[in-house]
């Protein structure tokens, strides 16, 4: 669907192109925001993301637009929560998150639907973060963790040394730990456990 929208026209401020762009991304971003905040708040925060995007549209790189929007939405939600949570509320949510993590660990192996939903959503967030890495580093990480190739195989495919593969993996893991530290905890906190 994104391929049918002329992103250059969106960047130029074309109203019809922006309307198509908004129609495509609004439901996705709102659903994503609902993992963090209630529905009315998610609407407001996503509206803020689009308003900010429209103001800065000419400076945004088109080739990473989807991950950019998700990251922007995530940051708005995290900032909203941080600003409104008292220490006691935060501690209470951490206790709930720990209970949910225990539930997931117990049921993830036996519940295929839960496993697929969790893995697909988490993979989408991780992919958005991986897209921020330098291209070679991102490709090495994907080969290693998505394709489960050995370091030696990656070195042969990419025509680089074994040490370079290891360096790229270390760089990727260090970056991803920092970039995803908040989202993983909050993702687990807001999964509905029945």
C-alpha atoms as a PDB file:
ATOM      1  CA  UNK A   1       0.000   0.000   0.000  1.00  0.00           C
ATOM      2  CA  UNK A   2       2.838   2.432   0.827  1.00  0.00           C
ATOM      3  CA  UNK A   3       4.113   2.044  -2.736  1.00  0.00           C
ATOM      4  CA  UNK A   4       0.882   3.618  -4.062  1.00  0.00           C
ATOM      5  CA  UNK A   5       1.489   6.831  -2.096  1.00  0.00           C
ATOM      6  CA  UNK A   6       3.807   9.434  -3.603  1.00  0.00           C
ATOM      7  CA  UNK A   7       5.989  10.236  -0.598  1.00  0.00           C
ATOM      8  CA  UNK A   8       7.751  13.021  -2.467  1.00  0.00           C
ATOM      9  CA  UNK A   9       4.399  14.796  -2.795  1.00  0.00           C
ATOM     10  CA  UNK A  10       3.764  14.192   0.923  1.00  0.00           C
ATOM     11  CA  UNK A  11       7.099  15.875   1.684  1.00  0.00           C
ATOM     12  CA  UNK A  12       6.158  18.773  -0.587  1.00  0.00           C
ATOM     13  CA  UNK A  13       2.915  19.292   1.352  1.00  0.00           C
ATOM     14  CA  UNK A  14       0.437  17.989  -1.230  1.00  0.00           C
ATOM     15  CA  UNK A  15      -2.862  17.759   0.683  1.00  0.00           C
ATOM     16  CA  UNK A  16      -4.305  14.733  -1.146  1.00  0.00           C
ATOM     17  CA  UNK A  17      -1.064  12.722  -0.823  1.00  0.00           C
ATOM     18  CA  UNK A  18      -0.853  13.577   2.867  1.00  0.00           C
ATOM     19  CA  UNK A  19      -4.488  12.498   3.339  1.00  0.00           C
ATOM     20  CA  UNK A  20      -3.674   9.091   1.754  1.00  0.00           C
ATOM     21  CA  UNK A  21      -0.545   8.835   3.887  1.00  0.00           C
ATOM     22  CA  UNK A  22      -2.554   9.654   7.025  1.00  0.00           C
ATOM     23  CA  UNK A  23      -5.299   7.155   6.110  1.00  0.00           C
ATOM     24  CA  UNK A  24      -2.707   4.410   5.673  1.00  0.00           C
ATOM     25  CA  UNK A  25      -0.716   5.005   8.851  1.00  0.00           C
ATOM     26  CA  UNK A  26      -3.224   6.394  11.365  1.00  0.00           C
ATOM     27  CA  UNK A  27      -4.887   3.032  12.255  1.00  0.00           C
ATOM     28  CA  UNK A  28      -1.515   1.278  12.536  1.00  0.00           C
ATOM     29  CA  UNK A  29       0.009   3.951  14.745  1.00  0.00           C
ATOM     30  CA  UNK A  30      -3.106   4.207  16.896  1.00  0.00           C
ATOM     31  CA  UNK A  31      -3.122   0.428  17.450  1.00  0.00           C
ATOM     32  CA  UNK A  32       0.573   0.610  18.311  1.00  0.00           C
ATOM     33  CA  UNK A  33      -0.014   3.505  20.749  1.00  0.00           C
ATOM     34  CA  UNK A  34      -2.862   1.564  22.411  1.00  0.00           C
ATOM     35  CA  UNK A  35      -0.253  -0.881  23.696  1.00  0.00           C
ATOM     36  CA  UNK A  36       0.983   1.914  25.946  1.00  0.00           C
ATOM     37  CA  UNK A  37      -1.958   4.210  26.660  1.00  0.00           C
ATOM     38  CA  UNK A  38      -5.763   4.190  26.583  1.00  0.00           C
ATOM     39  CA  UNK A  39      -7.635   4.731  23.313  1.00  0.00           C
ATOM     40  CA  UNK A  40      -8.536   8.447  23.663  1.00  0.00           C
ATOM     41  CA  UNK A  41      -4.962   9.260  24.655  1.00  0.00           C
ATOM     42  CA  UNK A  42      -3.600   7.175  21.778  1.00  0.00           C
ATOM     43  CA  UNK A  43      -5.721   9.239  19.353  1.00  0.00           C
ATOM     44  CA  UNK A  44      -4.298  12.497  20.749  1.00  0.00           C
ATOM     45  CA  UNK A  45      -0.703  11.279  20.721  1.00  0.00           C
ATOM     46  CA  UNK A  46      -0.915   9.953  17.154  1.00  0.00           C
ATOM     47  CA  UNK A  47      -2.464  13.269  16.059  1.00  0.00           C
ATOM     48  CA  UNK A  48       0.544  15.004  17.634  1.00  0.00           C
ATOM     49  CA  UNK A  49       2.880  12.692  15.708  1.00  0.00           C
ATOM     50  CA  UNK A  50       1.192  13.570  12.410  1.00  0.00           C
ATOM     51  CA  UNK A  51       1.205  17.290  13.201  1.00  0.00           C
ATOM     52  CA  UNK A  52       4.917  17.156  14.058  1.00  0.00           C
ATOM     53  CA  UNK A  53       5.588  15.035  10.972  1.00  0.00           C
ATOM     54  CA  UNK A  54       3.793  17.554   8.762  1.00  0.00           C
ATOM     55  CA  UNK A  55       5.876  20.401  10.196  1.00  0.00           C
ATOM     56  CA  UNK A  56       9.166  18.505   9.703  1.00  0.00           C
ATOM     57  CA  UNK A  57       8.204  16.531   6.567  1.00  0.00           C
ATOM     58  CA  UNK A  58      10.780  18.159   4.309  1.00  0.00           C
ATOM     59  CA  UNK A  59      13.694  17.019   6.494  1.00  0.00           C
ATOM     60  CA  UNK A  60      12.581  13.393   6.999  1.00  0.00           C
ATOM     61  CA  UNK A  61      14.147  10.592   4.961  1.00  0.00           C
ATOM     62  CA  UNK A  62      11.517   8.807   2.907  1.00  0.00           C
ATOM     63  CA  UNK A  63      13.180   5.380   2.840  1.00  0.00           C
ATOM     64  CA  UNK A  64      12.730   4.867   6.601  1.00  0.00           C
ATOM     65  CA  UNK A  65       9.363   6.533   7.020  1.00  0.00           C
ATOM     66  CA  UNK A  66       7.499   3.620   8.608  1.00  0.00           C
ATOM     67  CA  UNK A  67      10.087   2.887  11.298  1.00  0.00           C
ATOM     68  CA  UNK A  68      10.435   6.637  11.869  1.00  0.00           C
ATOM     69  CA  UNK A  69       6.693   6.999  12.532  1.00  0.00           C
ATOM     70  CA  UNK A  70       6.603   3.983  14.875  1.00  0.00           C
ATOM     71  CA  UNK A  71       9.620   5.246  16.821  1.00  0.00           C
ATOM     72  CA  UNK A  72       8.115   8.724  17.017  1.00  0.00           C
ATOM     73  CA  UNK A  73       4.825   7.284  18.314  1.00  0.00           C
ATOM     74  CA  UNK A  74       6.647   5.088  20.813  1.00  0.00           C
ATOM     75  CA  UNK A  75       8.592   8.077  22.147  1.00  0.00           C
ATOM     76  CA  UNK A  76       5.435  10.190  22.475  1.00  0.00           C
ATOM     77  CA  UNK A  77       3.778   7.399  24.467  1.00  0.00           C
ATOM     78  CA  UNK A  78       6.805   6.837  26.703  1.00  0.00           C
ATOM     79  CA  UNK A  79       7.109  10.553  27.398  1.00  0.00           C
ATOM     80  CA  UNK A  80       3.394  10.778  28.140  1.00  0.00           C
ATOM     81  CA  UNK A  81       3.612   7.875  30.610  1.00  0.00           C
ATOM     82  CA  UNK A  82       6.779   9.164  32.230  1.00  0.00           C
ATOM     83  CA  UNK A  83       5.249  12.588  32.776  1.00  0.00           C
ATOM     84  CA  UNK A  84       2.051  11.225  34.316  1.00  0.00           C
ATOM     85  CA  UNK A  85       3.190   8.296  36.415  1.00  0.00           C
ATOM     86  CA  UNK A  86       4.055   8.750  40.027  1.00  0.00           C
ATOM     87  CA  UNK A  87       6.760   6.538  41.488  1.00  0.00           C
ATOM     88  CA  UNK A  88       4.098   4.398  43.176  1.00  0.00           C
ATOM     89  CA  UNK A  89       2.166   3.890  39.915  1.00  0.00           C
ATOM     90  CA  UNK A  90       5.377   3.007  38.121  1.00  0.00           C
ATOM     91  CA  UNK A  91       6.273   0.470  40.801  1.00  0.00           C
ATOM     92  CA  UNK A  92       2.763  -0.985  40.594  1.00  0.00           C
ATOM     93  CA  UNK A  93       3.084  -1.393  36.825  1.00  0.00           C
ATOM     94  CA  UNK A  94       6.443  -3.098  37.265  1.00  0.00           C
ATOM     95  CA  UNK A  95       4.810  -5.667  39.568  1.00  0.00           C
ATOM     96  CA  UNK A  96       2.109  -6.263  36.954  1.00  0.00           C
ATOM     97  CA  UNK A  97       4.767  -6.557  34.246  1.00  0.00           C
ATOM     98  CA  UNK A  98       6.629  -9.185  36.270  1.00  0.00           C
ATOM     99  CA  UNK A  99       3.413 -11.182  36.680  1.00  0.00           C
ATOM    100  CA  UNK A 100       2.750 -10.964  32.952  1.00  0.00           C
ATOM    101  CA  UNK A 101       6.293 -12.010  32.142  1.00  0.00           C
ATOM    102  CA  UNK A 102       5.865 -15.046  34.390  1.00  0.00           C
ATOM    103  CA  UNK A 103       2.579 -15.835  32.620  1.00  0.00           C
ATOM    104  CA  UNK A 104       4.231 -15.518  29.208  1.00  0.00           C
ATOM    105  CA  UNK A 105       7.170 -17.707  30.197  1.00  0.00           C
ATOM    106  CA  UNK A 106       4.775 -20.349  31.494  1.00  0.00           C
ATOM    107  CA  UNK A 107       2.389 -20.268  28.522  1.00  0.00           C
ATOM    108  CA  UNK A 108       4.521 -19.218  25.564  1.00  0.00           C
ATOM    109  CA  UNK A 109       5.676 -22.746  24.741  1.00  0.00           C
ATOM    110  CA  UNK A 110       2.173 -24.230  24.780  1.00  0.00           C
ATOM    111  CA  UNK A 111       0.097 -21.439  23.230  1.00  0.00           C
ATOM    112  CA  UNK A 112       0.947 -21.133  19.511  1.00  0.00           C
ATOM    113  CA  UNK A 113      -1.341 -18.135  18.906  1.00  0.00           C
ATOM    114  CA  UNK A 114       0.168 -16.191  21.802  1.00  0.00           C
ATOM    115  CA  UNK A 115       3.655 -17.103  20.634  1.00  0.00           C
ATOM    116  CA  UNK A 116       2.974 -15.907  17.050  1.00  0.00           C
ATOM    117  CA  UNK A 117       1.375 -12.612  18.110  1.00  0.00           C
ATOM    118  CA  UNK A 118       4.144 -11.846  20.577  1.00  0.00           C
ATOM    119  CA  UNK A 119       6.918 -12.771  18.141  1.00  0.00           C
ATOM    120  CA  UNK A 120       5.424 -10.848  15.197  1.00  0.00           C
ATOM    121  CA  UNK A 121       4.811  -7.646  17.165  1.00  0.00           C
ATOM    122  CA  UNK A 122       8.161  -7.753  18.885  1.00  0.00           C
ATOM    123  CA  UNK A 123       9.946  -8.546  15.620  1.00  0.00           C
ATOM    124  CA  UNK A 124       8.329  -5.472  14.006  1.00  0.00           C
ATOM    125  CA  UNK A 125       9.660  -3.250  16.786  1.00  0.00           C
ATOM    126  CA  UNK A 126      13.108  -4.866  16.601  1.00  0.00           C
ATOM    127  CA  UNK A 127      13.193  -4.448  12.805  1.00  0.00           C
ATOM    128  CA  UNK A 128      12.451  -0.739  13.187  1.00  0.00           C
ATOM    129  CA  UNK A 129      15.394  -0.476  15.566  1.00  0.00           C
ATOM    130  CA  UNK A 130      17.675  -2.559  13.322  1.00  0.00           C
ATOM    131  CA  UNK A 131      16.908  -0.152  10.465  1.00  0.00           C
ATOM    132  CA  UNK A 132      18.784   2.548  12.415  1.00  0.00           C
ATOM    133  CA  UNK A 133      22.030   0.564  12.337  1.00  0.00           C
ATOM    134  CA  UNK A 134      24.652   1.083   9.617  1.00  0.00           C
ATOM    135  CA  UNK A 135      23.656  -1.134   6.634  1.00  0.00           C
ATOM    136  CA  UNK A 136      26.461  -3.722   6.942  1.00  0.00           C
ATOM    137  CA  UNK A 137      25.989  -3.995  10.691  1.00  0.00           C
ATOM    138  CA  UNK A 138      22.231  -4.475  10.252  1.00  0.00           C
ATOM    139  CA  UNK A 139      22.762  -7.145   7.590  1.00  0.00           C
ATOM    140  CA  UNK A 140      25.233  -9.086   9.773  1.00  0.00           C
ATOM    141  CA  UNK A 141      22.746  -8.961  12.659  1.00  0.00           C
ATOM    142  CA  UNK A 142      19.912 -10.219  10.447  1.00  0.00           C
ATOM    143  CA  UNK A 143      22.043 -13.070   9.094  1.00  0.00           C
ATOM    144  CA  UNK A 144      23.064 -14.069  12.608  1.00  0.00           C
ATOM    145  CA  UNK A 145      19.775 -13.755  14.478  1.00  0.00           C
ATOM    146  CA  UNK A 146      17.012 -13.955  11.858  1.00  0.00           C
ATOM    147  CA  UNK A 147      18.670 -16.459   9.502  1.00  0.00           C
ATOM    148  CA  UNK A 148      20.679 -18.203  12.262  1.00  0.00           C
ATOM    149  CA  UNK A 149      23.867 -18.356  10.199  1.00  0.00           C
ATOM    150  CA  UNK A 150      27.227 -19.045  11.825  1.00  0.00           C
ATOM    151  CA  UNK A 151      29.800 -16.249  11.961  1.00  0.00           C
ATOM    152  CA  UNK A 152      31.988 -18.057   9.440  1.00  0.00           C
ATOM    153  CA  UNK A 153      29.081 -18.360   6.964  1.00  0.00           C
ATOM    154  CA  UNK A 154      28.275 -14.663   7.340  1.00  0.00           C
ATOM    155  CA  UNK A 155      31.926 -13.752   6.733  1.00  0.00           C
ATOM    156  CA  UNK A 156      31.957 -15.802   3.527  1.00  0.00           C
ATOM    157  CA  UNK A 157      28.648 -14.409   2.233  1.00  0.00           C
ATOM    158  CA  UNK A 158      29.605 -10.799   2.912  1.00  0.00           C
ATOM    159  CA  UNK A 159      33.283 -11.082   2.017  1.00  0.00           C
ATOM    160  CA  UNK A 160      34.473  -9.797   5.377  1.00  0.00           C
ATOM    161  CA  UNK A 161      36.617 -11.262   8.152  1.00  0.00           C
ATOM    162  CA  UNK A 162      35.310 -13.329  11.070  1.00  0.00           C
ATOM    163  CA  UNK A 163      36.462 -10.555  13.446  1.00  0.00           C
ATOM    164  CA  UNK A 164      34.517  -7.942  11.491  1.00  0.00           C
ATOM    165  CA  UNK A 165      31.393 -10.099  11.792  1.00  0.00           C
ATOM    166  CA  UNK A 166      31.906 -10.302  15.565  1.00  0.00           C
ATOM    167  CA  UNK A 167      32.483  -6.536  15.776  1.00  0.00           C
ATOM    168  CA  UNK A 168      29.260  -5.828  13.850  1.00  0.00           C
ATOM    169  CA  UNK A 169      27.287  -8.165  16.111  1.00  0.00           C
ATOM    170  CA  UNK A 170      28.689  -6.541  19.263  1.00  0.00           C
ATOM    171  CA  UNK A 171      27.878  -3.087  17.870  1.00  0.00           C
ATOM    172  CA  UNK A 172      24.330  -4.151  16.960  1.00  0.00           C
ATOM    173  CA  UNK A 173      23.611  -5.761  20.324  1.00  0.00           C
ATOM    174  CA  UNK A 174      24.968  -2.769  22.243  1.00  0.00           C
ATOM    175  CA  UNK A 175      22.817  -0.398  20.195  1.00  0.00           C
ATOM    176  CA  UNK A 176      19.666  -2.556  20.357  1.00  0.00           C
ATOM    177  CA  UNK A 177      19.925  -3.002  24.129  1.00  0.00           C
ATOM    178  CA  UNK A 178      19.974   0.762  24.532  1.00  0.00           C
ATOM    179  CA  UNK A 179      17.365   1.505  21.853  1.00  0.00           C
ATOM    180  CA  UNK A 180      14.875  -1.174  22.970  1.00  0.00           C
ATOM    181  CA  UNK A 181      15.287  -1.051  26.755  1.00  0.00           C
ATOM    182  CA  UNK A 182      12.051   0.844  27.416  1.00  0.00           C
ATOM    183  CA  UNK A 183       9.915  -0.752  24.744  1.00  0.00           C
ATOM    184  CA  UNK A 184      10.451  -4.343  25.871  1.00  0.00           C
ATOM    185  CA  UNK A 185       9.384  -3.625  29.435  1.00  0.00           C
ATOM    186  CA  UNK A 186       6.390  -1.562  28.361  1.00  0.00           C
ATOM    187  CA  UNK A 187       5.437  -4.084  25.676  1.00  0.00           C
ATOM    188  CA  UNK A 188       5.227  -6.775  28.338  1.00  0.00           C
ATOM    189  CA  UNK A 189       3.413  -4.453  30.744  1.00  0.00           C
ATOM    190  CA  UNK A 190       0.566  -3.773  28.331  1.00  0.00           C
ATOM    191  CA  UNK A 191      -0.117  -7.224  26.906  1.00  0.00           C
ATOM    192  CA  UNK A 192      -3.603  -8.260  28.034  1.00  0.00           C
ATOM    193  CA  UNK A 193      -3.407 -11.401  30.120  1.00  0.00           C
ATOM    194  CA  UNK A 194      -6.750 -13.124  30.483  1.00  0.00           C
END
